[in-house]
Protein backbone atom coordinates (compact mmCIF):
# COMPACT_ATOMS: atom_id res chain seq x y z
CA MET A 1 35.81 -41.16 45.41
CA ALA A 2 33.11 -42.37 43.04
CA SER A 3 33.76 -42.06 39.34
CA ILE A 4 31.18 -40.81 36.91
CA LYS A 5 30.70 -42.86 33.80
CA MET A 6 29.09 -41.72 30.59
CA SER A 7 27.88 -44.04 27.90
CA LYS A 8 29.79 -43.93 24.64
CA ALA A 9 28.19 -42.12 21.71
CA SER A 10 26.78 -44.49 19.11
CA VAL A 11 27.87 -44.47 15.48
CA LYS A 12 24.45 -42.98 14.61
CA GLU A 13 24.90 -40.18 17.16
CA ILE A 14 28.32 -39.35 15.74
CA ASP A 15 26.97 -39.43 12.18
CA ASP A 16 24.04 -37.21 13.21
CA ALA A 17 26.43 -34.74 14.88
CA ILE A 18 28.43 -34.52 11.64
CA LYS A 19 25.23 -34.05 9.61
CA LEU A 20 24.11 -31.34 12.05
CA ALA A 21 27.45 -29.56 11.66
CA ASN A 22 27.11 -29.78 7.85
CA LEU A 23 23.52 -28.50 8.01
CA THR A 24 24.30 -25.49 10.20
CA ASP A 25 27.44 -24.73 8.22
CA ALA A 26 25.56 -24.84 4.90
CA VAL A 27 22.64 -22.73 6.14
CA CYS A 28 24.42 -20.28 8.44
CA ASN A 29 27.97 -19.96 7.10
CA TYR A 30 27.46 -19.77 3.35
CA ARG A 31 29.76 -17.57 1.30
CA SER A 32 28.36 -14.28 0.05
CA TYR A 33 28.37 -15.41 -3.59
CA GLU A 34 26.32 -18.53 -2.78
CA TYR A 35 22.80 -19.02 -1.59
CA PRO A 36 22.25 -20.95 1.62
CA GLU A 37 21.06 -24.48 1.05
CA PHE A 38 19.94 -27.58 2.86
CA PRO A 39 22.45 -30.38 2.40
CA PRO A 40 20.80 -33.55 1.10
CA GLU A 41 19.55 -35.99 3.73
CA SER A 42 20.60 -38.98 1.63
CA ASP A 43 22.90 -39.74 -1.28
CA ASP A 44 20.06 -39.88 -3.80
CA GLN A 45 18.93 -36.29 -3.10
CA LEU A 46 20.25 -32.95 -4.27
CA PRO A 47 20.77 -29.92 -2.02
CA GLU A 48 17.76 -27.61 -1.69
CA ASN A 49 17.80 -23.83 -1.58
CA PHE A 50 17.13 -22.27 1.83
CA ASN A 51 15.31 -18.96 2.21
CA VAL A 52 15.77 -17.30 5.61
CA ASP A 53 12.52 -15.37 5.11
CA SER A 54 10.45 -18.50 4.47
CA ALA A 55 8.50 -19.85 7.45
CA ALA A 56 8.39 -23.28 5.77
CA ASP A 57 12.19 -23.36 5.32
CA LEU A 58 12.75 -22.19 8.91
CA ARG A 59 10.39 -24.93 10.14
CA LYS A 60 12.21 -27.50 8.01
CA PHE A 61 15.54 -26.29 9.42
CA TYR A 62 14.20 -26.52 12.99
CA ASP A 63 12.85 -30.03 12.40
CA ARG A 64 16.13 -31.26 10.97
CA VAL A 65 18.16 -29.68 13.78
CA SER A 66 15.83 -31.26 16.36
CA LYS A 67 16.11 -34.66 14.70
CA LEU A 68 19.90 -34.57 14.40
CA SER A 69 20.78 -33.09 17.79
CA THR A 70 19.49 -35.89 20.04
CA GLY A 71 22.98 -37.30 20.77
CA LEU A 72 24.96 -34.09 20.34
CA MET A 73 25.67 -33.64 24.06
CA ARG A 74 27.03 -37.17 24.38
CA VAL A 75 29.26 -36.69 21.31
CA ALA A 76 30.57 -33.26 22.35
CA PHE A 77 30.98 -34.05 26.05
CA GLY A 78 32.56 -37.44 25.32
CA TYR A 79 34.99 -35.80 22.92
CA GLY A 80 35.89 -33.25 25.59
CA VAL A 81 36.49 -35.95 28.20
CA LEU A 82 38.71 -37.92 25.81
CA VAL A 83 40.71 -34.85 24.84
CA ASP A 84 41.16 -33.81 28.49
CA ASN A 85 42.28 -37.28 29.57
CA CYS A 86 44.20 -38.59 26.57
CA CYS A 87 45.49 -35.71 24.45
CA ASP A 88 48.59 -33.60 24.87
CA PRO A 89 47.38 -30.15 26.06
CA THR A 90 50.45 -28.45 24.56
CA LYS A 91 49.59 -29.52 21.00
CA ASP A 92 47.11 -28.01 18.54
CA VAL A 93 46.46 -31.44 17.03
CA LEU A 94 45.14 -34.67 18.54
CA GLU A 95 48.25 -36.41 19.88
CA HIS A 96 48.55 -38.74 22.86
CA LYS A 97 49.29 -37.09 26.18
CA PRO A 98 52.84 -37.87 27.32
CA GLY A 99 52.73 -40.96 29.50
CA VAL A 100 49.61 -42.42 27.89
CA VAL A 101 50.51 -45.88 26.61
CA THR A 102 48.77 -46.95 23.41
CA PHE A 103 47.63 -50.49 22.58
CA ASP A 104 50.32 -50.64 19.89
CA GLU A 105 53.01 -49.88 22.47
CA VAL A 106 51.60 -52.50 24.86
CA ASP A 107 51.55 -55.05 22.01
CA ARG A 108 55.16 -54.24 21.13
CA ILE A 109 56.32 -54.49 24.76
CA LEU A 110 54.45 -57.75 25.38
CA LEU A 111 55.69 -59.25 22.12
CA GLU A 112 59.30 -58.30 22.92
CA ASP A 113 58.91 -59.75 26.43
CA TYR A 114 57.40 -62.95 25.05
CA LYS A 115 60.20 -63.32 22.48
CA ALA A 116 62.82 -62.75 25.19
CA ALA A 117 61.11 -65.29 27.47
CA ASP A 118 60.95 -67.78 24.61
CA ALA A 119 64.64 -67.27 23.83
CA ALA A 120 65.54 -67.73 27.53
CA LEU A 121 63.48 -70.93 27.60
CA THR A 122 65.23 -72.27 24.51
CA ALA A 123 68.67 -71.45 25.96
CA ALA A 124 67.77 -73.07 29.30
CA ARG A 125 66.46 -76.20 27.53
CA GLU A 126 69.69 -76.49 25.53
CA LYS A 127 71.76 -76.06 28.69
CA VAL A 128 69.81 -78.85 30.42
CA GLU A 129 70.19 -81.12 27.39
CA GLN A 130 73.95 -80.48 27.21
CA THR A 131 74.63 -80.95 30.93
CA ASP A 132 75.28 -84.35 32.40
CA VAL A 133 72.86 -85.38 35.17
CA GLU A 134 75.81 -85.99 37.52
CA ASP A 135 77.19 -82.49 36.92
CA PRO A 136 76.39 -80.01 39.75
CA GLU A 137 75.47 -77.47 37.05
CA PHE A 138 72.58 -79.70 35.97
CA HIS A 139 70.36 -78.67 38.90
CA LEU A 140 71.07 -74.99 38.27
CA ALA A 141 70.26 -75.44 34.59
CA ARG A 142 67.06 -77.34 35.41
CA ASN A 143 65.94 -74.57 37.82
CA ALA A 144 66.71 -71.91 35.21
CA PHE A 145 64.64 -73.91 32.73
CA ARG A 146 61.68 -74.09 35.16
CA GLN A 147 61.88 -70.34 35.81
CA ALA A 148 61.96 -69.66 32.06
CA VAL A 149 58.86 -71.83 31.58
CA GLU A 150 57.01 -69.93 34.31
CA HIS A 151 58.08 -66.54 32.92
CA ARG A 152 56.94 -67.44 29.43
CA GLU A 153 53.59 -68.67 30.79
CA VAL A 154 53.07 -65.41 32.70
CA THR A 155 53.91 -63.45 29.56
CA ALA A 156 51.47 -65.53 27.50
CA LEU A 157 48.81 -64.97 30.17
CA SER A 158 49.39 -61.20 29.92
CA PHE A 159 48.75 -61.46 26.17
CA CYS A 160 45.51 -63.37 26.78
CA LYS A 161 44.28 -60.87 29.38
CA LYS A 162 44.98 -57.94 27.05
CA ILE A 163 43.23 -59.60 24.11
CA THR A 164 40.12 -60.47 26.13
CA ALA A 165 40.03 -56.99 27.70
CA ALA A 166 40.12 -55.43 24.22
CA LYS A 167 37.09 -57.45 23.07
């Protein structure tokens, strides 16, 4: 079955979606004791009054909505896909779905595995160093050392793969 992929929303599209939400909230959901207003488009501007009976204000509102809504579908649909696939449907807040492993958990597991492999390697090295070459245990110790080296290398490779995949 083919999978459908959607490009990720850009930072600008997300910012524009937030600005659009602020604009519609300020113009359409004002409190009865306030007058509707246009939020400023930049930090160096002040809010402007909005008159619902003014054709010029309605045109300005339409123009700003048109300008800000270009990436809204990608932001909203992408959010929906992430929530459906990653978030716990039983919660009212954004929490990981049970069974979804986070990068922090993977890091912790890999680090613990690497530390255990390193400790096993150190113990095997010490056993080889303490065992006489003529002792039958020497070959067992040497094989355990070789296995520990291989295990630690595989664990280190897992770290490298994860790091490069994250970039």
